[in-house]
Amino acid sequence: MSMLDYSKQKVLIIDDFSEFRVSLKGVVQQLGANDIDLAPSGEVAIKMCSKAAYDIILSDYNLGDGKDGQQLLEELATRDYLKPTSVYIMVTAENTTEMVMAALEHTPDSYLTKPFTKALLKSRLDKLLTKKLALEQVNRAIITKNYPKALRLADQMVAAGSKYAMACMRIKSDLYLKMADLSQAKKIYDLVLSKRPIPWALLGMGKLLFAQEKYQESIKQFNAVLQQLPNYPEALDWIARIQVITGKPGDAQKTLQLALSITPKVSQRQARLGDLARLNKDYDIAKRAYRGAIKHGKDSCYKNPDSYINLVSVLTEEITSGGGIKNKRLSSEALTYLKDLENEFPNDKEIKLRANLSRHAIYHKLGRDAETSKYMQLSKTMFTELSESASGLASTDMAGAYLREEDYDSCQTILTKVMEQYGDDVDIMNSIEMIIDDKEAFAKAVEASKVNSKGIQAVTNNKLDEAVGFFKQSLAVSPDNVSFNMNLVQVLLKKCEQSEDKLASLEEAEKILTSLNRLNAKDYRYIRLQQLQRMANDIKIGSN
């Protein structure tokens, strides 16, 4: 370890206190590093990481106003600025459970509590850099998305008896999941768990069993994680999902509340709790959770307009026909959040539409006809302008406004179209079920989603031809469903990887991908579409 050459490492130090930045720079210089940059905030750090690739990042957890260290780590990973070859250490002056768990949940390479000595920093960096160097070729293959090469190199390290063999096994399982090769991922989990119950393998096996709808077996794996890491948030998340599916939403709410007692700053978990509490008609908890999601998401890359819209919906539901001070308070808070929403997303036409639809709901509940009419007309115009680019949520909101106006034909026309495109989206289908008139069409869409799930299960078992049959069967009912189409593309590309005769499957996949070019870049499925397009292109290049 003493042979490491720190002069070749590019370092970034992030702290809101200039004295600590300068002090830590001096310590790192004593280790031999010369190329050292300093950032006073998370926002500045993101800009610097967008322009340069750092080998070592030392970030304080508490960065004052703006993004904290956890949100910085989230965004660097999301934007792909944090490469597998980088070392990221989270630093904090506080050692609270909330901070430690929040940081560990987003997996920095290490965690240091102030004050720490030069010897401790060097020991930690030496260990991490030695590991990174050993895995450098594997990680560089991952960076270039050459997953087969990364798997081959990882296999070579395992066969050679590398001290990082277990790390290679974990990398392999992650890569197989990215490649949707669940059967190979399961083999790795089985092998690792046959030796000892390692938490990451238990968690991975739990996810696989969940995908296979083996919920009781799945929950045993997540509970086994909790035996070793009590109150580990991600395990609690998965347990809550199973509790919802198995008809125990009350238990699921309690499980998420436990997770949030450990990590209250995770905005996505706050939003999920809000959704569950709303389902359980626990409106006080729902409001508190959505407010938390908004507060902690404000400086996060996971900032989500749905938390604003859902909070406003809960506040609107509490408005009564009796009027009075309570109505004034509820409507005032709701309208304020809608204004905040538009300020946070100033150039998003769909969010403007959804805000106006929320205003329509508020004024309709208050019985203020002039404002109700105004926002209905605005919403109609905006919805028409968005045309095919309107999301399932925006379309469902528009249908709800028509329902309030008792324009049932317009409501049902929109819902039928949404149902065909989003039959696999449980949340959207749940919102449609209560107000759709064509129950037969709804039942067919639900059945198509079940058939699609059978296709996913077949992929898990590496029965690719069977999976193709299921996906095509679901598409016969819902040909415009984007997720069904992408599932078929993915299994066709997987067939290309496993067969010498690639041409027919590749051509069919490319034809479907071309039809999906209509997908809006803001659609939550757009990233997956881009990944599939890259996979198809890589296969095409490799076959030439």
Protein backbone atom coordinates (compact mmCIF):
# COMPACT_ATOMS: atom_id res chain seq x y z
CA MET A 1 0.00 0.00 0.00
CA SER A 2 2.87 2.37 0.66
CA MET A 3 3.76 2.17 -3.05
CA LEU A 4 0.68 4.13 -4.11
CA ASP A 5 1.54 7.25 -6.08
CA TYR A 6 -0.78 10.05 -4.94
CA SER A 7 0.85 12.50 -7.35
CA LYS A 8 -1.16 10.82 -10.13
CA GLN A 9 -4.49 11.27 -8.35
CA LYS A 10 -6.84 14.15 -9.16
CA VAL A 11 -8.59 15.21 -5.94
CA LEU A 12 -11.73 17.25 -5.16
CA ILE A 13 -12.41 18.53 -1.63
CA ILE A 14 -15.93 19.80 -0.88
CA ASP A 15 -16.72 21.71 2.32
CA ASP A 16 -18.61 24.92 3.08
CA PHE A 17 -15.93 26.05 5.57
CA SER A 18 -12.89 27.49 3.80
CA GLU A 19 -10.62 26.76 6.76
CA PHE A 20 -11.39 23.05 6.61
CA ARG A 21 -11.00 22.95 2.82
CA VAL A 22 -7.54 24.51 3.08
CA SER A 23 -6.59 22.33 6.05
CA LEU A 24 -7.66 19.11 4.34
CA LYS A 25 -5.87 20.17 1.15
CA GLY A 26 -2.67 20.44 3.17
CA VAL A 27 -3.15 16.95 4.57
CA VAL A 28 -3.76 15.50 1.09
CA GLN A 29 -0.68 17.33 -0.23
CA GLN A 30 1.38 15.66 2.48
CA LEU A 31 0.25 12.33 1.00
CA GLY A 32 1.85 13.39 -2.30
CA ALA A 33 -1.16 14.73 -4.24
CA ASN A 34 -0.65 17.92 -6.25
CA ASP A 35 -3.73 18.19 -8.49
CA ILE A 36 -6.32 19.29 -5.91
CA ASP A 37 -9.49 21.32 -6.49
CA LEU A 38 -11.70 22.89 -3.82
CA ALA A 39 -15.48 23.44 -3.89
CA PRO A 40 -17.51 25.40 -1.30
CA SER A 41 -20.87 23.79 -2.14
CA GLY A 42 -22.58 20.84 -3.76
CA GLU A 43 -23.72 22.96 -6.69
CA VAL A 44 -20.17 24.07 -7.47
CA ALA A 45 -18.92 20.50 -7.07
CA ILE A 46 -21.41 19.22 -9.66
CA LYS A 47 -20.22 21.81 -12.19
CA MET A 48 -16.59 20.85 -11.54
CA CYS A 49 -17.35 17.12 -11.86
CA SER A 50 -19.12 17.77 -15.17
CA LYS A 51 -15.85 19.13 -16.57
CA ALA A 52 -13.25 16.88 -14.94
CA ALA A 53 -12.96 13.26 -13.81
CA TYR A 54 -11.74 13.03 -10.21
CA ASP A 55 -9.95 10.03 -8.76
CA ILE A 56 -10.64 11.00 -5.15
CA ILE A 57 -13.59 13.02 -3.81
CA LEU A 58 -13.70 14.04 -0.15
CA SER A 59 -17.09 15.62 0.62
CA ASP A 60 -18.48 16.96 3.86
CA TYR A 61 -22.02 15.79 4.65
CA ASN A 62 -23.32 19.15 5.87
CA LEU A 63 -22.66 21.72 3.15
CA GLY A 64 -24.77 24.58 4.50
CA ASP A 65 -27.52 26.01 2.28
CA GLY A 66 -28.33 24.06 -0.87
CA LYS A 67 -27.43 20.44 -1.51
CA ASP A 68 -26.01 18.36 1.33
CA GLY A 69 -23.48 15.59 0.86
CA GLN A 70 -26.16 12.93 0.41
CA GLN A 71 -27.93 14.92 -2.32
CA LEU A 72 -24.59 15.62 -3.98
CA LEU A 73 -23.76 11.91 -4.06
CA GLU A 74 -27.21 11.13 -5.50
CA GLU A 75 -26.81 13.65 -8.30
CA LEU A 76 -23.23 12.70 -9.19
CA ALA A 77 -24.35 9.08 -9.53
CA THR A 78 -27.52 9.98 -11.45
CA ARG A 79 -25.62 12.21 -13.90
CA ASP A 80 -22.92 9.52 -14.26
CA TYR A 81 -20.23 11.93 -13.05
CA LEU A 82 -19.07 9.47 -10.40
CA LYS A 83 -17.25 6.69 -12.23
CA PRO A 84 -16.64 3.21 -10.84
CA THR A 85 -12.89 3.99 -10.72
CA SER A 86 -13.39 7.00 -8.40
CA VAL A 87 -13.06 6.94 -4.61
CA TYR A 88 -15.79 8.89 -2.78
CA ILE A 89 -15.49 9.46 0.97
CA MET A 90 -18.26 11.14 2.98
CA VAL A 91 -17.08 13.28 5.89
CA THR A 92 -19.13 14.72 8.75
CA ALA A 93 -18.65 16.38 12.11
CA GLU A 94 -21.75 14.60 13.44
CA ASN A 95 -22.17 10.90 13.99
CA THR A 96 -25.97 10.70 14.20
CA THR A 97 -27.78 7.58 13.02
CA GLU A 98 -29.71 9.68 10.50
CA MET A 99 -26.54 10.98 8.85
CA VAL A 100 -24.67 7.68 8.91
CA MET A 101 -27.60 5.68 7.52
CA ALA A 102 -28.47 8.28 4.88
CA ALA A 103 -24.87 8.33 3.68
CA LEU A 104 -24.44 4.56 3.71
CA GLU A 105 -27.72 4.10 1.87
CA HIS A 106 -26.26 5.95 -1.08
CA THR A 107 -23.06 3.93 -0.90
CA PRO A 108 -19.99 6.16 -0.73
CA ASP A 109 -16.79 4.14 -0.68
CA SER A 110 -16.19 5.08 2.93
CA TYR A 111 -17.38 7.28 5.76
CA LEU A 112 -15.21 9.39 8.09
CA THR A 113 -16.21 11.28 11.22
CA LYS A 114 -14.38 14.53 12.08
CA PRO A 115 -11.90 14.95 13.53
CA PHE A 116 -9.68 12.37 11.86
CA THR A 117 -5.90 12.09 11.62
CA LYS A 118 -3.70 12.07 8.54
CA ALA A 119 -2.80 8.47 9.37
CA LEU A 120 -6.46 7.41 9.39
CA LEU A 121 -7.17 9.22 6.10
CA LYS A 122 -4.09 7.67 4.48
CA SER A 123 -4.98 4.20 5.73
CA ARG A 124 -8.51 4.54 4.37
CA LEU A 125 -7.40 5.93 1.02
CA ASP A 126 -4.63 3.35 0.63
CA LYS A 127 -7.10 0.54 1.16
CA LEU A 128 -9.71 1.98 -1.21
CA LEU A 129 -7.25 2.92 -3.97
CA THR A 130 -5.56 -0.47 -3.82
CA LYS A 131 -8.93 -2.10 -4.36
CA LYS A 132 -9.82 0.34 -7.16
CA LEU A 133 -6.51 -0.33 -8.91
CA ALA A 134 -7.04 -4.08 -8.68
CA LEU A 135 -10.51 -3.67 -10.23
CA GLU A 136 -9.49 -0.92 -12.65
CA GLN A 137 -9.80 -2.94 -15.87
CA VAL A 138 -13.16 -4.35 -14.83
CA ASN A 139 -14.44 -0.89 -13.96
CA ARG A 140 -13.14 0.66 -17.17
CA ALA A 141 -15.06 -1.95 -19.15
CA ILE A 142 -18.16 -0.99 -17.18
CA ILE A 143 -17.59 2.71 -17.95
CA THR A 144 -17.53 1.94 -21.69
CA LYS A 145 -20.67 -0.25 -21.24
CA ASN A 146 -18.71 -3.29 -22.45
CA TYR A 147 -20.44 -5.57 -19.95
CA PRO A 148 -19.38 -8.91 -21.51
CA LYS A 149 -15.74 -7.84 -21.19
CA ALA A 150 -16.28 -6.70 -17.60
CA LEU A 151 -17.83 -10.07 -16.75
CA ARG A 152 -14.95 -11.92 -18.40
CA LEU A 153 -12.34 -9.90 -16.49
CA ALA A 154 -14.22 -10.39 -13.20
CA ASP A 155 -14.32 -14.15 -13.84
CA GLN A 156 -10.56 -14.14 -14.40
CA MET A 157 -9.99 -12.41 -11.05
CA VAL A 158 -12.24 -14.91 -9.26
CA ALA A 159 -10.47 -17.85 -10.92
CA ALA A 160 -7.07 -16.41 -9.94
CA GLY A 161 -8.12 -16.32 -6.28
CA SER A 162 -8.06 -12.52 -6.00
CA LYS A 163 -8.63 -11.08 -2.53
CA TYR A 164 -11.36 -9.04 -4.24
CA ALA A 165 -13.18 -12.11 -5.55
CA MET A 166 -16.29 -11.26 -3.50
CA ALA A 167 -16.31 -7.73 -4.90
CA CYS A 168 -16.12 -9.28 -8.38
CA MET A 169 -19.10 -11.50 -7.58
CA ARG A 170 -21.10 -8.46 -6.54
CA ILE A 171 -20.09 -6.58 -9.70
CA LYS A 172 -21.15 -9.57 -11.79
CA SER A 173 -24.57 -9.78 -10.12
CA ASP A 174 -25.12 -6.05 -10.68
CA LEU A 175 -24.14 -6.37 -14.35
CA TYR A 176 -26.43 -9.34 -14.92
CA LEU A 177 -29.30 -7.34 -13.42
CA LYS A 178 -28.49 -4.42 -15.76
CA MET A 179 -28.52 -6.87 -18.66
CA ALA A 180 -31.83 -8.33 -17.38
CA ASP A 181 -30.20 -11.76 -17.09
CA LEU A 182 -31.88 -12.66 -13.82
CA SER A 183 -31.10 -16.36 -14.02
CA GLN A 184 -27.34 -15.68 -14.04
CA ALA A 185 -27.71 -13.17 -11.20
CA LYS A 186 -29.55 -15.81 -9.18
CA LYS A 187 -26.70 -18.30 -9.69
CA ILE A 188 -24.31 -15.79 -8.13
CA TYR A 189 -26.59 -15.11 -5.17
CA ASP A 190 -27.05 -18.86 -4.61
CA LEU A 191 -23.28 -19.42 -4.69
CA VAL A 192 -22.49 -16.56 -2.30
CA LEU A 193 -25.29 -17.42 0.13
CA SER A 194 -24.25 -21.08 0.20
CA LYS A 195 -21.10 -19.92 1.98
CA ARG A 196 -22.44 -17.21 4.29
CA PRO A 197 -25.39 -14.77 4.54
CA ILE A 198 -23.89 -11.59 3.08
CA PRO A 199 -26.39 -8.67 3.16
CA TRP A 200 -25.97 -7.54 -0.48
CA ALA A 201 -26.60 -11.08 -1.72
CA LEU A 202 -29.60 -11.51 0.60
CA LEU A 203 -31.01 -8.23 -0.69
CA GLY A 204 -30.42 -9.21 -4.32
CA MET A 205 -32.03 -12.62 -3.82
CA GLY A 206 -35.00 -10.94 -2.16
CA LYS A 207 -35.47 -8.71 -5.21
CA LEU A 208 -35.31 -11.71 -7.56
CA LEU A 209 -37.88 -13.62 -5.54
CA PHE A 210 -40.06 -10.51 -5.55
CA ALA A 211 -39.85 -10.39 -9.35
CA GLN A 212 -40.96 -14.03 -9.39
CA GLU A 213 -43.92 -13.08 -7.16
CA LYS A 214 -42.64 -15.40 -4.41
CA TYR A 215 -43.47 -12.82 -1.78
CA GLN A 216 -43.19 -14.91 1.38
CA GLU A 217 -39.78 -16.27 0.35
CA SER A 218 -38.75 -12.77 -0.65
CA ILE A 219 -39.67 -11.23 2.69
CA LYS A 220 -37.58 -13.88 4.48
CA GLN A 221 -34.51 -12.62 2.59
CA PHE A 222 -35.20 -9.01 3.55
CA ASN A 223 -35.75 -9.98 7.18
CA ALA A 224 -32.42 -11.82 7.07
CA VAL A 225 -30.80 -8.54 5.97
CA LEU A 226 -32.40 -6.79 8.96
CA GLN A 227 -31.01 -9.41 11.31
CA GLN A 228 -27.51 -8.32 10.33
CA LEU A 229 -28.25 -4.64 9.65
CA PRO A 230 -31.19 -3.71 11.89
CA ASN A 231 -33.52 -1.14 10.32
CA TYR A 232 -31.64 -1.11 7.00
CA PRO A 233 -33.85 1.26 4.95
CA GLU A 234 -33.79 -0.49 1.57
CA ALA A 235 -34.83 -3.81 3.12
CA LEU A 236 -37.70 -2.02 4.86
CA ASP A 237 -38.72 -0.46 1.53
CA TRP A 238 -39.06 -3.87 -0.08
CA ILE A 239 -40.95 -5.30 2.88
CA ALA A 240 -43.39 -2.38 2.60
CA ARG A 241 -43.90 -3.12 -1.11
CA ILE A 242 -44.74 -6.75 -0.31
CA GLN A 243 -47.13 -5.68 2.44
CA VAL A 244 -49.00 -3.47 -0.05
CA ILE A 245 -49.23 -6.25 -2.64
CA THR A 246 -50.44 -8.77 -0.05
CA GLY A 247 -53.21 -6.44 1.12
CA LYS A 248 -51.62 -4.96 4.24
CA PRO A 249 -51.33 -1.22 3.47
CA GLY A 250 -51.57 -0.31 7.15
CA ASP A 251 -48.55 -2.47 7.98
CA ALA A 252 -46.73 -1.04 4.95
CA GLN A 253 -47.29 2.49 6.24
CA LYS A 254 -45.81 1.55 9.63
CA THR A 255 -42.81 -0.06 7.91
CA LEU A 256 -42.09 3.08 5.86
CA GLN A 257 -42.54 5.26 8.96
CA LEU A 258 -39.88 3.14 10.66
CA ALA A 259 -37.54 3.57 7.68
CA LEU A 260 -38.11 7.34 7.73
CA SER A 261 -37.42 7.53 11.45
CA ILE A 262 -33.89 6.49 10.43
CA THR A 263 -33.57 8.44 7.16
CA PRO A 264 -36.05 11.37 7.25
CA LYS A 265 -34.22 13.29 4.51
CA VAL A 266 -34.86 10.77 1.73
CA SER A 267 -37.50 12.56 -0.35
CA GLN A 268 -38.51 9.55 -2.45
CA ARG A 269 -39.36 7.54 0.67
CA GLN A 270 -41.31 10.48 2.08
CA ALA A 271 -43.35 10.60 -1.13
CA ARG A 272 -44.07 6.85 -0.97
CA LEU A 273 -45.23 7.23 2.63
CA GLY A 274 -47.53 10.06 1.53
CA ASP A 275 -49.07 7.82 -1.13
CA LEU A 276 -49.62 4.99 1.35
CA ALA A 277 -51.05 7.23 4.06
CA ARG A 278 -53.41 8.75 1.50
CA LEU A 279 -54.54 5.25 0.50
CA ASN A 280 -55.15 4.53 4.19
CA LYS A 281 -57.02 7.86 4.55
CA ASP A 282 -54.48 8.94 7.17
CA TYR A 283 -54.43 12.49 5.83
CA ASP A 284 -52.35 14.03 8.62
CA ILE A 285 -49.48 11.60 7.95
CA ALA A 286 -49.95 12.04 4.20
CA LYS A 287 -49.65 15.83 4.45
CA ARG A 288 -46.61 15.58 6.70
CA ALA A 289 -44.93 13.11 4.35
CA TYR A 290 -45.57 15.13 1.19
CA ARG A 291 -44.32 18.29 2.91
CA GLY A 292 -41.19 16.35 3.88
CA ALA A 293 -40.75 15.12 0.30
CA ILE A 294 -41.00 18.70 -0.98
CA LYS A 295 -38.64 20.08 1.67
CA HIS A 296 -35.93 17.45 1.28
CA GLY A 297 -36.33 17.16 -2.48
CA LYS A 298 -35.94 20.87 -3.15
CA ASP A 299 -32.17 20.65 -3.67
CA SER A 300 -32.17 17.03 -4.84
CA CYS A 301 -32.02 15.55 -8.33
CA TYR A 302 -35.07 13.57 -7.19
CA LYS A 303 -37.20 16.70 -6.88
CA ASN A 304 -40.63 15.57 -8.04
CA PRO A 305 -43.69 17.64 -9.02
CA ASP A 306 -45.99 14.79 -7.97
CA SER A 307 -45.33 15.54 -4.29
CA TYR A 308 -46.72 19.05 -4.78
CA ILE A 309 -49.73 17.82 -6.78
CA ASN A 310 -50.49 15.03 -4.29
CA LEU A 311 -50.22 17.34 -1.28
CA VAL A 312 -52.58 19.80 -2.95
CA SER A 313 -55.00 16.93 -3.67
CA VAL A 314 -55.04 15.90 0.00
CA LEU A 315 -55.62 19.51 1.09
CA THR A 316 -58.42 19.81 -1.49
CA GLU A 317 -60.06 16.60 -0.27
CA GLU A 318 -60.30 18.14 3.20
CA ILE A 319 -62.21 21.19 1.97
CA THR A 320 -65.85 20.91 3.10
CA SER A 321 -69.12 22.40 1.88
CA GLY A 322 -69.55 24.25 5.16
CA GLY A 323 -66.96 26.90 4.35
CA GLY A 324 -65.32 28.83 7.16
CA ILE A 325 -61.80 29.48 8.33
CA LYS A 326 -60.65 25.88 7.79
CA ASN A 327 -61.50 26.03 4.07
CA LYS A 328 -59.68 29.33 3.74
CA ARG A 329 -56.57 27.90 5.39
CA LEU A 330 -56.61 24.70 3.32
CA SER A 331 -57.18 26.47 -0.01
CA SER A 332 -54.57 29.12 0.79
CA GLU A 333 -51.92 26.49 1.55
CA ALA A 334 -52.85 24.50 -1.57
CA LEU A 335 -52.65 27.53 -3.85
CA THR A 336 -49.31 28.53 -2.32
CA TYR A 337 -47.83 25.09 -3.04
CA LEU A 338 -49.07 25.29 -6.63
CA LYS A 339 -47.29 28.63 -7.05
CA ASP A 340 -44.14 27.11 -5.55
CA LEU A 341 -44.48 24.19 -7.97
CA GLU A 342 -44.58 26.50 -10.98
CA ASN A 343 -41.58 28.43 -9.65
CA GLU A 344 -39.58 25.23 -9.23
CA PHE A 345 -40.44 24.02 -12.75
CA PRO A 346 -40.93 27.30 -14.65
CA ASN A 347 -40.58 26.00 -18.22
CA ASP A 348 -42.60 22.80 -17.97
CA LYS A 349 -45.91 23.11 -19.83
CA GLU A 350 -47.31 19.86 -18.46
CA ILE A 351 -46.68 20.94 -14.88
CA LYS A 352 -48.44 24.23 -15.64
CA LEU A 353 -51.39 22.19 -16.96
CA ARG A 354 -51.51 19.97 -13.87
CA ALA A 355 -51.29 23.04 -11.60
CA ASN A 356 -54.25 24.61 -13.39
CA LEU A 357 -56.21 21.35 -13.13
CA SER A 358 -55.49 21.36 -9.39
CA ARG A 359 -56.76 24.94 -9.19
CA HIS A 360 -59.90 23.80 -11.02
CA ALA A 361 -60.42 21.12 -8.35
CA ILE A 362 -59.90 23.63 -5.51
CA TYR A 363 -62.32 26.22 -6.84
CA HIS A 364 -64.85 23.56 -7.78
CA LYS A 365 -64.78 22.29 -4.19
CA LEU A 366 -65.16 25.86 -2.90
CA GLY A 367 -68.12 26.45 -5.22
CA ARG A 368 -66.50 29.44 -6.94
CA ASP A 369 -67.92 29.09 -10.45
CA ALA A 370 -66.04 31.91 -12.19
CA GLU A 371 -62.60 30.61 -11.19
CA THR A 372 -63.67 27.02 -11.89
CA SER A 373 -64.71 27.93 -15.44
CA LYS A 374 -61.53 29.96 -16.00
CA TYR A 375 -59.17 27.13 -15.10
CA MET A 376 -61.22 24.54 -17.01
CA GLN A 377 -60.91 26.57 -20.21
CA LEU A 378 -57.18 27.15 -19.64
CA SER A 379 -56.67 23.44 -19.02
CA LYS A 380 -58.57 22.39 -22.14
CA THR A 381 -56.41 24.66 -24.28
CA MET A 382 -53.17 23.49 -22.71
CA PHE A 383 -54.13 19.81 -22.93
CA THR A 384 -54.90 20.21 -26.64
CA GLU A 385 -51.54 21.91 -27.19
CA LEU A 386 -49.69 19.08 -25.45
CA SER A 387 -51.50 16.55 -27.65
CA GLU A 388 -49.71 13.17 -27.72
CA SER A 389 -46.96 14.29 -25.33
CA ALA A 390 -49.26 14.46 -22.29
CA SER A 391 -48.28 11.88 -19.69
CA GLY A 392 -50.62 9.31 -18.19
CA LEU A 393 -50.87 11.34 -14.98
CA ALA A 394 -51.68 14.59 -16.80
CA SER A 395 -54.26 12.81 -18.94
CA THR A 396 -55.88 11.21 -15.90
CA ASP A 397 -55.98 14.62 -14.18
CA MET A 398 -57.68 16.06 -17.28
CA ALA A 399 -60.23 13.24 -17.25
CA GLY A 400 -60.92 14.00 -13.60
CA ALA A 401 -61.64 17.65 -14.46
CA TYR A 402 -64.13 16.57 -17.15
CA LEU A 403 -65.76 14.30 -14.58
CA ARG A 404 -66.16 17.23 -12.17
CA GLU A 405 -67.75 19.18 -15.02
CA GLU A 406 -70.05 16.19 -15.69
CA ASP A 407 -68.71 15.88 -19.25
CA TYR A 408 -68.69 12.10 -19.09
CA ASP A 409 -68.01 11.43 -22.78
CA SER A 410 -64.78 13.48 -22.79
CA CYS A 411 -63.74 11.88 -19.51
CA GLN A 412 -64.21 8.33 -20.80
CA THR A 413 -62.50 9.06 -24.14
CA ILE A 414 -59.32 10.16 -22.34
CA LEU A 415 -59.42 7.29 -19.85
CA THR A 416 -59.77 4.67 -22.58
CA LYS A 417 -56.66 6.00 -24.33
CA VAL A 418 -54.67 6.18 -21.09
CA MET A 419 -55.71 2.65 -20.19
CA GLU A 420 -54.39 1.31 -23.50
CA GLN A 421 -51.01 3.04 -23.07
CA TYR A 422 -50.45 2.55 -19.32
CA GLY A 423 -52.16 -0.74 -18.53
CA ASP A 424 -49.09 -1.92 -16.64
CA ASP A 425 -48.90 1.17 -14.39
CA VAL A 426 -50.58 0.12 -11.15
CA ASP A 427 -51.01 3.65 -9.78
CA ILE A 428 -52.60 5.00 -12.96
CA MET A 429 -54.85 1.95 -13.36
CA ASN A 430 -56.00 2.24 -9.74
CA SER A 431 -56.99 5.86 -10.33
CA ILE A 432 -58.86 4.90 -13.51
CA GLU A 433 -60.74 1.89 -12.14
CA MET A 434 -63.22 3.89 -10.08
CA ILE A 435 -64.33 6.17 -12.92
CA ILE A 436 -64.00 4.14 -16.14
CA ASP A 437 -67.33 3.07 -17.63
CA ASP A 438 -66.01 0.42 -20.00
CA LYS A 439 -65.32 -2.25 -17.39
CA GLU A 440 -64.79 -4.92 -20.07
CA ALA A 441 -61.98 -2.92 -21.71
CA PHE A 442 -60.52 -2.24 -18.27
CA ALA A 443 -60.56 -5.97 -17.45
CA LYS A 444 -58.79 -6.73 -20.75
CA ALA A 445 -56.09 -4.16 -19.99
CA VAL A 446 -55.58 -5.70 -16.54
CA GLU A 447 -55.36 -9.17 -18.07
CA ALA A 448 -52.80 -7.90 -20.62
CA SER A 449 -50.71 -6.61 -17.74
CA LYS A 450 -50.87 -10.04 -16.07
CA VAL A 451 -49.73 -11.70 -19.29
CA ASN A 452 -46.89 -9.17 -19.48
CA SER A 453 -45.87 -10.21 -15.96
CA LYS A 454 -45.75 -13.83 -17.12
CA GLY A 455 -43.37 -12.70 -19.85
CA ILE A 456 -41.13 -11.05 -17.28
CA GLN A 457 -41.20 -14.27 -15.25
CA ALA A 458 -40.20 -16.26 -18.34
CA VAL A 459 -37.23 -13.91 -18.90
CA THR A 460 -36.21 -14.52 -15.28
CA ASN A 461 -36.13 -18.25 -16.04
CA ASN A 462 -34.27 -17.62 -19.33
CA LYS A 463 -37.20 -18.98 -21.37
CA LEU A 464 -36.85 -16.37 -24.07
CA ASP A 465 -39.13 -17.79 -26.77
CA GLU A 466 -41.87 -18.23 -24.18
CA ALA A 467 -41.35 -14.64 -23.03
CA VAL A 468 -41.65 -13.35 -26.61
CA GLY A 469 -45.00 -15.14 -26.89
CA PHE A 470 -46.34 -13.59 -23.69
CA PHE A 471 -45.22 -10.06 -24.63
CA LYS A 472 -46.79 -10.36 -28.09
CA GLN A 473 -49.99 -11.64 -26.51
CA SER A 474 -50.17 -8.61 -24.21
CA LEU A 475 -49.46 -6.28 -27.15
CA ALA A 476 -52.34 -7.81 -29.10
CA VAL A 477 -54.63 -6.25 -26.47
CA SER A 478 -52.67 -3.03 -25.83
CA PRO A 479 -50.48 -2.37 -28.90
CA ASP A 480 -49.64 1.19 -27.81
CA ASN A 481 -48.37 0.23 -24.36
CA VAL A 482 -44.80 1.52 -24.24
CA SER A 483 -43.61 -0.79 -21.45
CA PHE A 484 -44.97 -3.91 -23.18
CA ASN A 485 -43.16 -2.88 -26.37
CA MET A 486 -39.88 -2.24 -24.53
CA ASN A 487 -40.13 -5.60 -22.75
CA LEU A 488 -40.44 -7.31 -26.14
CA VAL A 489 -37.46 -5.35 -27.47
CA GLN A 490 -35.36 -6.31 -24.47
CA VAL A 491 -36.02 -10.04 -24.83
CA LEU A 492 -35.40 -9.86 -28.61
CA LEU A 493 -32.02 -8.23 -27.95
CA LYS A 494 -31.28 -10.87 -25.33
CA LYS A 495 -32.00 -13.52 -27.96
CA CYS A 496 -29.48 -11.78 -30.24
CA GLU A 497 -26.80 -12.16 -27.55
CA GLN A 498 -27.49 -15.87 -27.14
CA SER A 499 -27.95 -16.85 -30.80
CA GLU A 500 -25.72 -16.86 -33.85
CA ASP A 501 -28.71 -15.96 -36.05
CA LYS A 502 -29.22 -12.40 -34.85
CA LEU A 503 -30.64 -10.69 -37.91
CA ALA A 504 -34.37 -11.47 -37.58
CA SER A 505 -34.61 -10.61 -33.87
CA LEU A 506 -32.51 -7.47 -34.32
CA GLU A 507 -34.65 -6.22 -37.23
CA GLU A 508 -37.85 -6.79 -35.25
CA ALA A 509 -36.39 -4.98 -32.23
CA GLU A 510 -35.24 -2.02 -34.35
CA LYS A 511 -38.68 -1.71 -35.96
CA ILE A 512 -40.32 -1.46 -32.52
CA LEU A 513 -37.70 1.01 -31.29
CA THR A 514 -38.39 3.23 -34.30
CA SER A 515 -42.10 3.27 -33.42
CA LEU A 516 -41.21 4.33 -29.86
CA ASN A 517 -39.32 7.43 -31.02
CA ARG A 518 -42.55 9.33 -30.32
CA LEU A 519 -41.87 8.98 -26.58
CA ASN A 520 -41.43 12.31 -24.82
CA ALA A 521 -37.99 12.86 -23.28
CA LYS A 522 -39.68 13.74 -19.96
CA ASP A 523 -41.49 10.40 -19.82
CA TYR A 524 -40.18 8.24 -16.97
CA ARG A 525 -39.62 5.42 -19.48
CA TYR A 526 -37.45 7.49 -21.81
CA ILE A 527 -34.15 6.54 -20.10
CA ARG A 528 -34.93 2.86 -20.57
CA LEU A 529 -35.72 3.52 -24.25
CA GLN A 530 -32.29 5.13 -24.69
CA GLN A 531 -30.61 2.14 -23.01
CA LEU A 532 -32.39 -0.28 -25.36
CA GLN A 533 -31.40 1.83 -28.38
CA ARG A 534 -27.75 1.68 -27.26
CA MET A 535 -27.97 -2.08 -26.75
CA ALA A 536 -29.42 -2.56 -30.24
CA ASN A 537 -26.72 -0.37 -31.75
CA ASP A 538 -23.96 -2.29 -29.92
CA ILE A 539 -25.33 -5.60 -31.18
CA LYS A 540 -25.58 -4.23 -34.72
CA ILE A 541 -21.97 -2.99 -34.62
CA GLY A 542 -20.77 -6.30 -33.19
CA SER A 543 -22.49 -8.32 -35.89
CA ASN A 544 -20.87 -6.34 -38.74
